[in-house]
Amino acid sequence: MVPGLAALATVLVAALAGCSDGAAEQVAPGSKVTVAGDSISVGLGAALRDEVNTAVTVKVIGQEGTGLARPDRFDWPARLEELARDFPPEVLVFSVGSNDAQDLRDANGDVVAPMSDGWEDEYRDRLAQAFDAFEGTGTRLVWVGHVRMDDPTGGDTNRLVHEIAADLASSRAWVQVEDLAELTGSGEDEPSLCLLADGVHLSVECYQRAAADLAERVGAA
């Protein structure tokens, strides 16, 4: 199991307790919702287009096979810093994790934090960099955690990443925490019934269910 999974459970519960309570702040007509992350985000973004109101534009900039583990392949913190500087959207939906159950490498491809040592601290720093790019920009960053996949290590990592995100969000007022385990109704303790045969990606029906709920929660339905 990835180190620290149980240790952050209490923090997760506290952070999620108020993340979706009450009426959502409404997205203004003419606003843009940008969806970023891995292939999970691409599927969610495609479904979200059908659920937001006609006055809201959804732009999907997800990249398949990406995450925070391999900036030598795609550097999400740097990409999001660029987005925040040049074209900050009203809402950014960010979702990664399913490709990150591996050693963390630097921009040159060298291992800087193996899964056995220092992984959690390094991942936290990378996710914090992504979140902090939008401080003061007026963007509401909506983090969406991944469901538990079939692979045990990958499933534990997905849930740990979500816990780290919830912990970081608790001190960042511009970050809203959501969770595909809740949005799809699949729960977080067992591999999701939403999974396709590959054990990673979600069914169209589950994306649609999650997107309908997410649109309400971000005030864009």
C-alpha atoms as a PDB file:
ATOM      1  CA  MET A   1       0.000   0.000   0.000  1.00  0.00           C
ATOM      2  CA  VAL A   2       1.204   3.546  -0.709  1.00  0.00           C
ATOM      3  CA  PRO A   3       2.589   5.114   2.497  1.00  0.00           C
ATOM      4  CA  GLY A   4       0.334   7.507   4.341  1.00  0.00           C
ATOM      5  CA  LEU A   5      -3.038   6.361   3.000  1.00  0.00           C
ATOM      6  CA  ALA A   6      -4.588   5.766   6.394  1.00  0.00           C
ATOM      7  CA  ALA A   7      -2.865   8.740   8.017  1.00  0.00           C
ATOM      8  CA  LEU A   8      -4.685  11.281   5.883  1.00  0.00           C
ATOM      9  CA  ALA A   9      -8.165   9.762   6.233  1.00  0.00           C
ATOM     10  CA  THR A  10      -9.227  12.092   9.036  1.00  0.00           C
ATOM     11  CA  VAL A  11      -8.071  15.127   7.070  1.00  0.00           C
ATOM     12  CA  LEU A  12     -10.041  13.980   4.037  1.00  0.00           C
ATOM     13  CA  VAL A  13     -13.267  13.642   5.982  1.00  0.00           C
ATOM     14  CA  ALA A  14     -12.841  17.102   7.485  1.00  0.00           C
ATOM     15  CA  ALA A  15     -12.016  18.706   4.156  1.00  0.00           C
ATOM     16  CA  LEU A  16     -14.930  17.105   2.335  1.00  0.00           C
ATOM     17  CA  ALA A  17     -17.464  17.876   5.019  1.00  0.00           C
ATOM     18  CA  GLY A  18     -18.169  21.341   3.705  1.00  0.00           C
ATOM     19  CA  CYS A  19     -16.972  21.207   0.113  1.00  0.00           C
ATOM     20  CA  SER A  20     -20.366  20.744  -1.527  1.00  0.00           C
ATOM     21  CA  ASP A  21     -22.832  21.900   1.107  1.00  0.00           C
ATOM     22  CA  GLY A  22     -25.357  24.604   0.280  1.00  0.00           C
ATOM     23  CA  ALA A  23     -26.002  26.375  -2.981  1.00  0.00           C
ATOM     24  CA  ALA A  24     -23.149  26.408  -5.469  1.00  0.00           C
ATOM     25  CA  GLU A  25     -21.679  29.718  -6.557  1.00  0.00           C
ATOM     26  CA  GLN A  26     -23.222  30.284  -9.970  1.00  0.00           C
ATOM     27  CA  VAL A  27     -21.045  30.505 -13.075  1.00  0.00           C
ATOM     28  CA  ALA A  28     -21.861  33.741 -14.915  1.00  0.00           C
ATOM     29  CA  PRO A  29     -23.311  33.588 -18.449  1.00  0.00           C
ATOM     30  CA  GLY A  30     -20.558  33.689 -21.045  1.00  0.00           C
ATOM     31  CA  SER A  31     -18.065  32.070 -18.689  1.00  0.00           C
ATOM     32  CA  LYS A  32     -15.596  29.342 -19.586  1.00  0.00           C
ATOM     33  CA  VAL A  33     -15.090  26.069 -17.755  1.00  0.00           C
ATOM     34  CA  THR A  34     -11.750  24.480 -18.651  1.00  0.00           C
ATOM     35  CA  VAL A  35     -11.211  20.778 -17.940  1.00  0.00           C
ATOM     36  CA  ALA A  36      -7.605  19.623 -17.555  1.00  0.00           C
ATOM     37  CA  GLY A  37      -5.848  16.405 -16.607  1.00  0.00           C
ATOM     38  CA  ASP A  38      -5.538  12.874 -17.947  1.00  0.00           C
ATOM     39  CA  SER A  39      -7.873  10.690 -20.009  1.00  0.00           C
ATOM     40  CA  ILE A  40     -10.328  10.536 -17.109  1.00  0.00           C
ATOM     41  CA  SER A  41     -10.670  14.309 -17.345  1.00  0.00           C
ATOM     42  CA  VAL A  42     -11.186  14.060 -21.106  1.00  0.00           C
ATOM     43  CA  GLY A  43     -14.142  11.711 -20.630  1.00  0.00           C
ATOM     44  CA  LEU A  44     -15.560  13.864 -17.857  1.00  0.00           C
ATOM     45  CA  GLY A  45     -15.125  17.041 -19.879  1.00  0.00           C
ATOM     46  CA  ALA A  46     -16.876  15.563 -22.901  1.00  0.00           C
ATOM     47  CA  ALA A  47     -19.838  14.581 -20.739  1.00  0.00           C
ATOM     48  CA  LEU A  48     -19.837  17.961 -18.971  1.00  0.00           C
ATOM     49  CA  ARG A  49     -20.446  19.754 -22.284  1.00  0.00           C
ATOM     50  CA  ASP A  50     -23.906  18.190 -22.403  1.00  0.00           C
ATOM     51  CA  GLU A  51     -24.766  19.153 -18.823  1.00  0.00           C
ATOM     52  CA  VAL A  52     -23.828  22.839 -18.499  1.00  0.00           C
ATOM     53  CA  ASN A  53     -26.243  25.549 -19.525  1.00  0.00           C
ATOM     54  CA  THR A  54     -25.971  26.937 -23.045  1.00  0.00           C
ATOM     55  CA  ALA A  55     -24.393  30.191 -21.844  1.00  0.00           C
ATOM     56  CA  VAL A  56     -21.318  28.365 -20.494  1.00  0.00           C
ATOM     57  CA  THR A  57     -18.464  27.114 -22.694  1.00  0.00           C
ATOM     58  CA  VAL A  58     -16.558  23.953 -21.752  1.00  0.00           C
ATOM     59  CA  LYS A  59     -13.012  23.620 -23.098  1.00  0.00           C
ATOM     60  CA  VAL A  60     -11.172  20.312 -22.612  1.00  0.00           C
ATOM     61  CA  ILE A  61      -7.363  20.430 -22.588  1.00  0.00           C
ATOM     62  CA  GLY A  62      -6.741  16.994 -21.073  1.00  0.00           C
ATOM     63  CA  GLN A  63      -3.834  14.843 -22.236  1.00  0.00           C
ATOM     64  CA  GLU A  64      -4.114  11.050 -22.202  1.00  0.00           C
ATOM     65  CA  GLY A  65      -1.520   9.152 -20.202  1.00  0.00           C
ATOM     66  CA  THR A  66      -0.451  12.162 -18.143  1.00  0.00           C
ATOM     67  CA  GLY A  67      -0.320  13.072 -14.478  1.00  0.00           C
ATOM     68  CA  LEU A  68       2.192  14.576 -12.075  1.00  0.00           C
ATOM     69  CA  ALA A  69       4.675  11.689 -12.059  1.00  0.00           C
ATOM     70  CA  ARG A  70       6.394  12.338 -15.396  1.00  0.00           C
ATOM     71  CA  PRO A  71       7.062  16.024 -16.178  1.00  0.00           C
ATOM     72  CA  ASP A  72       9.569  14.775 -18.740  1.00  0.00           C
ATOM     73  CA  ARG A  73       6.541  13.646 -20.761  1.00  0.00           C
ATOM     74  CA  PHE A  74       4.037  16.344 -19.816  1.00  0.00           C
ATOM     75  CA  ASP A  75       4.416  18.987 -17.110  1.00  0.00           C
ATOM     76  CA  TRP A  76       0.979  19.843 -15.717  1.00  0.00           C
ATOM     77  CA  PRO A  77       2.133  22.369 -13.093  1.00  0.00           C
ATOM     78  CA  ALA A  78       3.991  24.309 -15.793  1.00  0.00           C
ATOM     79  CA  ARG A  79       1.042  24.044 -18.197  1.00  0.00           C
ATOM     80  CA  LEU A  80      -1.361  25.302 -15.552  1.00  0.00           C
ATOM     81  CA  GLU A  81       0.936  28.179 -14.624  1.00  0.00           C
ATOM     82  CA  GLU A  82       0.848  29.179 -18.294  1.00  0.00           C
ATOM     83  CA  LEU A  83      -2.953  28.927 -18.353  1.00  0.00           C
ATOM     84  CA  ALA A  84      -3.285  30.980 -15.158  1.00  0.00           C
ATOM     85  CA  ARG A  85      -0.989  33.664 -16.555  1.00  0.00           C
ATOM     86  CA  ASP A  86      -2.421  33.937 -20.061  1.00  0.00           C
ATOM     87  CA  PHE A  87      -6.027  32.658 -20.129  1.00  0.00           C
ATOM     88  CA  PRO A  88      -7.374  32.018 -16.615  1.00  0.00           C
ATOM     89  CA  PRO A  89     -10.881  30.513 -16.903  1.00  0.00           C
ATOM     90  CA  GLU A  90     -13.699  31.232 -14.514  1.00  0.00           C
ATOM     91  CA  VAL A  91     -13.645  27.562 -13.488  1.00  0.00           C
ATOM     92  CA  LEU A  92     -10.868  25.000 -13.927  1.00  0.00           C
ATOM     93  CA  VAL A  93     -11.725  21.341 -13.382  1.00  0.00           C
ATOM     94  CA  PHE A  94      -8.488  19.430 -12.733  1.00  0.00           C
ATOM     95  CA  SER A  95      -8.317  15.653 -12.408  1.00  0.00           C
ATOM     96  CA  VAL A  96      -5.243  13.388 -12.398  1.00  0.00           C
ATOM     97  CA  GLY A  97      -3.965  10.371 -10.503  1.00  0.00           C
ATOM     98  CA  SER A  98      -4.628   7.213 -12.495  1.00  0.00           C
ATOM     99  CA  ASN A  99      -1.222   7.366 -14.209  1.00  0.00           C
ATOM    100  CA  ASP A 100       0.753   8.295 -11.107  1.00  0.00           C
ATOM    101  CA  ALA A 101       1.289   4.970  -9.311  1.00  0.00           C
ATOM    102  CA  GLN A 102       4.984   5.043 -10.198  1.00  0.00           C
ATOM    103  CA  ASP A 103       8.260   6.645  -9.156  1.00  0.00           C
ATOM    104  CA  LEU A 104       8.223  10.424  -9.503  1.00  0.00           C
ATOM    105  CA  ARG A 105      10.699  11.782 -12.046  1.00  0.00           C
ATOM    106  CA  ASP A 106      12.044  15.224 -12.896  1.00  0.00           C
ATOM    107  CA  ALA A 107      12.014  17.050 -16.215  1.00  0.00           C
ATOM    108  CA  ASN A 108      15.059  15.045 -17.331  1.00  0.00           C
ATOM    109  CA  GLY A 109      13.397  11.716 -16.579  1.00  0.00           C
ATOM    110  CA  ASP A 110      15.513  10.988 -13.504  1.00  0.00           C
ATOM    111  CA  VAL A 111      13.834   9.450 -10.440  1.00  0.00           C
ATOM    112  CA  VAL A 112      13.595  11.961  -7.596  1.00  0.00           C
ATOM    113  CA  ALA A 113      11.087  10.155  -5.357  1.00  0.00           C
ATOM    114  CA  PRO A 114      10.546   6.388  -5.624  1.00  0.00           C
ATOM    115  CA  MET A 115       7.206   5.080  -4.403  1.00  0.00           C
ATOM    116  CA  SER A 116       9.019   3.537  -1.452  1.00  0.00           C
ATOM    117  CA  ASP A 117      10.567   6.779  -0.180  1.00  0.00           C
ATOM    118  CA  GLY A 118       9.514  10.426  -0.323  1.00  0.00           C
ATOM    119  CA  TRP A 119       6.742   9.932  -2.871  1.00  0.00           C
ATOM    120  CA  GLU A 120       3.968  11.549  -0.871  1.00  0.00           C
ATOM    121  CA  ASP A 121       5.907  14.712  -0.002  1.00  0.00           C
ATOM    122  CA  GLU A 122       7.084  15.221  -3.582  1.00  0.00           C
ATOM    123  CA  TYR A 123       3.612  14.629  -4.996  1.00  0.00           C
ATOM    124  CA  ARG A 124       2.143  17.078  -2.500  1.00  0.00           C
ATOM    125  CA  ASP A 125       4.619  19.742  -3.655  1.00  0.00           C
ATOM    126  CA  ARG A 126       3.704  19.182  -7.306  1.00  0.00           C
ATOM    127  CA  LEU A 127      -0.029  19.320  -6.682  1.00  0.00           C
ATOM    128  CA  ALA A 128       0.373  22.418  -4.517  1.00  0.00           C
ATOM    129  CA  GLN A 129       2.250  24.088  -7.383  1.00  0.00           C
ATOM    130  CA  ALA A 130      -0.660  23.323  -9.708  1.00  0.00           C
ATOM    131  CA  PHE A 131      -3.216  24.671  -7.222  1.00  0.00           C
ATOM    132  CA  ASP A 132      -1.207  27.762  -6.326  1.00  0.00           C
ATOM    133  CA  ALA A 133      -0.898  28.853  -9.960  1.00  0.00           C
ATOM    134  CA  PHE A 134      -4.483  30.120  -9.688  1.00  0.00           C
ATOM    135  CA  GLU A 135      -4.228  32.027  -6.429  1.00  0.00           C
ATOM    136  CA  GLY A 136      -5.453  35.562  -7.011  1.00  0.00           C
ATOM    137  CA  THR A 137      -6.521  34.932 -10.623  1.00  0.00           C
ATOM    138  CA  GLY A 138     -10.253  34.758  -9.912  1.00  0.00           C
ATOM    139  CA  THR A 139     -10.352  31.154 -11.152  1.00  0.00           C
ATOM    140  CA  ARG A 140     -12.236  28.622  -9.054  1.00  0.00           C
ATOM    141  CA  LEU A 141     -10.215  25.413  -9.271  1.00  0.00           C
ATOM    142  CA  VAL A 142     -12.364  22.305  -8.895  1.00  0.00           C
ATOM    143  CA  TRP A 143     -10.331  19.226  -8.057  1.00  0.00           C
ATOM    144  CA  VAL A 144     -12.024  15.909  -8.989  1.00  0.00           C
ATOM    145  CA  GLY A 145     -10.584  12.781  -7.388  1.00  0.00           C
ATOM    146  CA  HIS A 146     -10.527   9.440  -9.190  1.00  0.00           C
ATOM    147  CA  VAL A 147     -12.392   6.256  -8.300  1.00  0.00           C
ATOM    148  CA  ARG A 148     -10.553   3.209  -7.017  1.00  0.00           C
ATOM    149  CA  MET A 149      -9.310   1.235 -10.029  1.00  0.00           C
ATOM    150  CA  ASP A 150      -8.921  -2.552 -10.242  1.00  0.00           C
ATOM    151  CA  ASP A 151      -5.150  -2.600  -9.702  1.00  0.00           C
ATOM    152  CA  PRO A 152      -4.574  -2.475  -5.924  1.00  0.00           C
ATOM    153  CA  THR A 153      -1.533  -0.193  -6.065  1.00  0.00           C
ATOM    154  CA  GLY A 154      -3.196   2.103  -8.559  1.00  0.00           C
ATOM    155  CA  GLY A 155      -6.397   2.127  -6.531  1.00  0.00           C
ATOM    156  CA  ASP A 156      -4.580   3.015  -3.310  1.00  0.00           C
ATOM    157  CA  THR A 157      -2.656   5.732  -5.131  1.00  0.00           C
ATOM    158  CA  ASN A 158      -5.836   7.266  -6.567  1.00  0.00           C
ATOM    159  CA  ARG A 159      -7.351   7.550  -3.131  1.00  0.00           C
ATOM    160  CA  LEU A 160      -4.125   8.865  -1.577  1.00  0.00           C
ATOM    161  CA  VAL A 161      -3.875  11.523  -4.286  1.00  0.00           C
ATOM    162  CA  HIS A 162      -7.444  12.563  -3.519  1.00  0.00           C
ATOM    163  CA  GLU A 163      -6.638  12.791   0.185  1.00  0.00           C
ATOM    164  CA  ILE A 164      -3.580  14.943  -0.532  1.00  0.00           C
ATOM    165  CA  ALA A 165      -5.712  17.223  -2.712  1.00  0.00           C
ATOM    166  CA  ALA A 166      -8.373  17.556  -0.014  1.00  0.00           C
ATOM    167  CA  ASP A 167      -5.722  18.414   2.561  1.00  0.00           C
ATOM    168  CA  LEU A 168      -4.178  21.067   0.310  1.00  0.00           C
ATOM    169  CA  ALA A 169      -7.609  22.516  -0.504  1.00  0.00           C
ATOM    170  CA  SER A 170      -8.432  22.988   3.167  1.00  0.00           C
ATOM    171  CA  SER A 171      -6.060  25.980   3.263  1.00  0.00           C
ATOM    172  CA  ARG A 172      -6.826  27.290  -0.242  1.00  0.00           C
ATOM    173  CA  ALA A 173     -10.158  29.090  -0.544  1.00  0.00           C
ATOM    174  CA  TRP A 174     -10.057  29.041  -4.358  1.00  0.00           C
ATOM    175  CA  VAL A 175      -9.970  25.221  -4.516  1.00  0.00           C
ATOM    176  CA  GLN A 176     -13.198  23.179  -4.413  1.00  0.00           C
ATOM    177  CA  VAL A 177     -12.977  19.428  -3.783  1.00  0.00           C
ATOM    178  CA  GLU A 178     -15.138  16.903  -5.618  1.00  0.00           C
ATOM    179  CA  ASP A 179     -14.762  13.137  -5.996  1.00  0.00           C
ATOM    180  CA  LEU A 180     -15.767  10.758  -8.778  1.00  0.00           C
ATOM    181  CA  ALA A 181     -16.359   8.095  -6.144  1.00  0.00           C
ATOM    182  CA  GLU A 182     -19.182  10.285  -4.847  1.00  0.00           C
ATOM    183  CA  LEU A 183     -20.274  11.834  -8.143  1.00  0.00           C
ATOM    184  CA  THR A 184     -20.776   8.405  -9.709  1.00  0.00           C
ATOM    185  CA  GLY A 185     -22.194   6.866  -6.527  1.00  0.00           C
ATOM    186  CA  SER A 186     -19.582   4.103  -6.694  1.00  0.00           C
ATOM    187  CA  GLY A 187     -17.983   4.580  -3.278  1.00  0.00           C
ATOM    188  CA  GLU A 188     -14.268   4.601  -2.520  1.00  0.00           C
ATOM    189  CA  ASP A 189     -13.565   1.352  -0.660  1.00  0.00           C
ATOM    190  CA  GLU A 190     -13.838  -1.183  -3.494  1.00  0.00           C
ATOM    191  CA  PRO A 191     -12.951  -1.037  -7.210  1.00  0.00           C
ATOM    192  CA  SER A 192     -15.690   0.963  -8.878  1.00  0.00           C
ATOM    193  CA  LEU A 193     -18.556  -0.749 -10.705  1.00  0.00           C
ATOM    194  CA  CYS A 194     -18.181   2.082 -13.225  1.00  0.00           C
ATOM    195  CA  LEU A 195     -14.911   0.682 -14.574  1.00  0.00           C
ATOM    196  CA  LEU A 196     -14.578  -0.596 -18.112  1.00  0.00           C
ATOM    197  CA  ALA A 197     -12.801  -3.859 -18.895  1.00  0.00           C
ATOM    198  CA  ASP A 198      -9.414  -2.108 -18.695  1.00  0.00           C
ATOM    199  CA  GLY A 199      -9.993  -1.536 -14.976  1.00  0.00           C
ATOM    200  CA  VAL A 200      -9.134   2.176 -15.237  1.00  0.00           C
ATOM    201  CA  HIS A 201     -11.578   4.163 -17.367  1.00  0.00           C
ATOM    202  CA  LEU A 202     -15.249   4.785 -16.681  1.00  0.00           C
ATOM    203  CA  SER A 203     -18.352   3.867 -18.621  1.00  0.00           C
ATOM    204  CA  VAL A 204     -20.195   6.532 -20.597  1.00  0.00           C
ATOM    205  CA  GLU A 205     -23.130   6.205 -18.231  1.00  0.00           C
ATOM    206  CA  CYS A 206     -20.954   6.916 -15.204  1.00  0.00           C
ATOM    207  CA  TYR A 207     -19.312   9.908 -16.864  1.00  0.00           C
ATOM    208  CA  GLN A 208     -22.773  11.272 -17.642  1.00  0.00           C
ATOM    209  CA  ARG A 209     -23.955  10.725 -14.079  1.00  0.00           C
ATOM    210  CA  ALA A 210     -20.843  12.393 -12.671  1.00  0.00           C
ATOM    211  CA  ALA A 211     -21.020  15.302 -15.119  1.00  0.00           C
ATOM    212  CA  ALA A 212     -24.671  16.041 -14.322  1.00  0.00           C
ATOM    213  CA  ASP A 213     -23.897  16.222 -10.602  1.00  0.00           C
ATOM    214  CA  LEU A 214     -20.676  18.171 -11.171  1.00  0.00           C
ATOM    215  CA  ALA A 215     -22.441  20.783 -13.305  1.00  0.00           C
ATOM    216  CA  GLU A 216     -24.815  21.405 -10.406  1.00  0.00           C
ATOM    217  CA  ARG A 217     -21.988  21.591  -7.887  1.00  0.00           C
ATOM    218  CA  VAL A 218     -20.006  24.146  -9.851  1.00  0.00           C
ATOM    219  CA  GLY A 219     -23.122  26.217 -10.554  1.00  0.00           C
ATOM    220  CA  ALA A 220     -23.072  25.703 -14.315  1.00  0.00           C
ATOM    221  CA  ALA A 221     -26.158  23.539 -14.876  1.00  0.00           C
END
